[in-house]
Amino acid sequence: MGYSGQGFSLRGEKDRYVLPPKLRNPLADASGERVLCVGQHDRWPCLTGFGTDRVDRFEDQLDDLEEKAIRRGEAFDRDMKSASLWTFTPISFDASGRFVLPSTLSELGGVDNALYFHGVGQVITIWNPLVLLEQGPEFSQLQAYCKQEMATATTKGKGK
């Protein structure tokens, strides 16, 4: 299973954000529960989210990465990579996708009052939209979708 699609959420009442349906539905379908596991991305200045079903594959993933490193003659720090995978917070969301982002994750992700979600296969990237828009040209597709989602949210907000 992979995640595809985008979404944008302003921080709402009770400091809650909303996970968009096109991303929350596959999460609930895959694991049978409404839980988003969130951690810091290992290279990008954002957070990542995934379902609890992915945790079952962590050891296989580590084995594969270690094997590839050995074949290339490179060192592999299994503990460091393991820490990267296993350091996440499971966050429950309701049927409407509402959830509260813990302050530690807000700090790690540089989160302010809005989140941009972008499915990139095995994970959902979770961005402070302003941080994403400051990234280089390699992020141009994500930036274009982020701008579109922000504009849609602004238009909806003006209609209220």
Foldseek 3Di string as FASTA:
>chain_A
DFAADKAKWFQDPPRKTADDPSGQVVQCVVPVFQKWWWDADPPALWIKTAHPVVVVCVVVVLVVVCVVCVVVVHDDDSVVVSCRVPPTDIWGADPRRITHDDPVNCVSNVADGMWMWGIDTRIITIHNLVSLCPDDPVSVVVNVVSVVNVVVVVVVVVVD
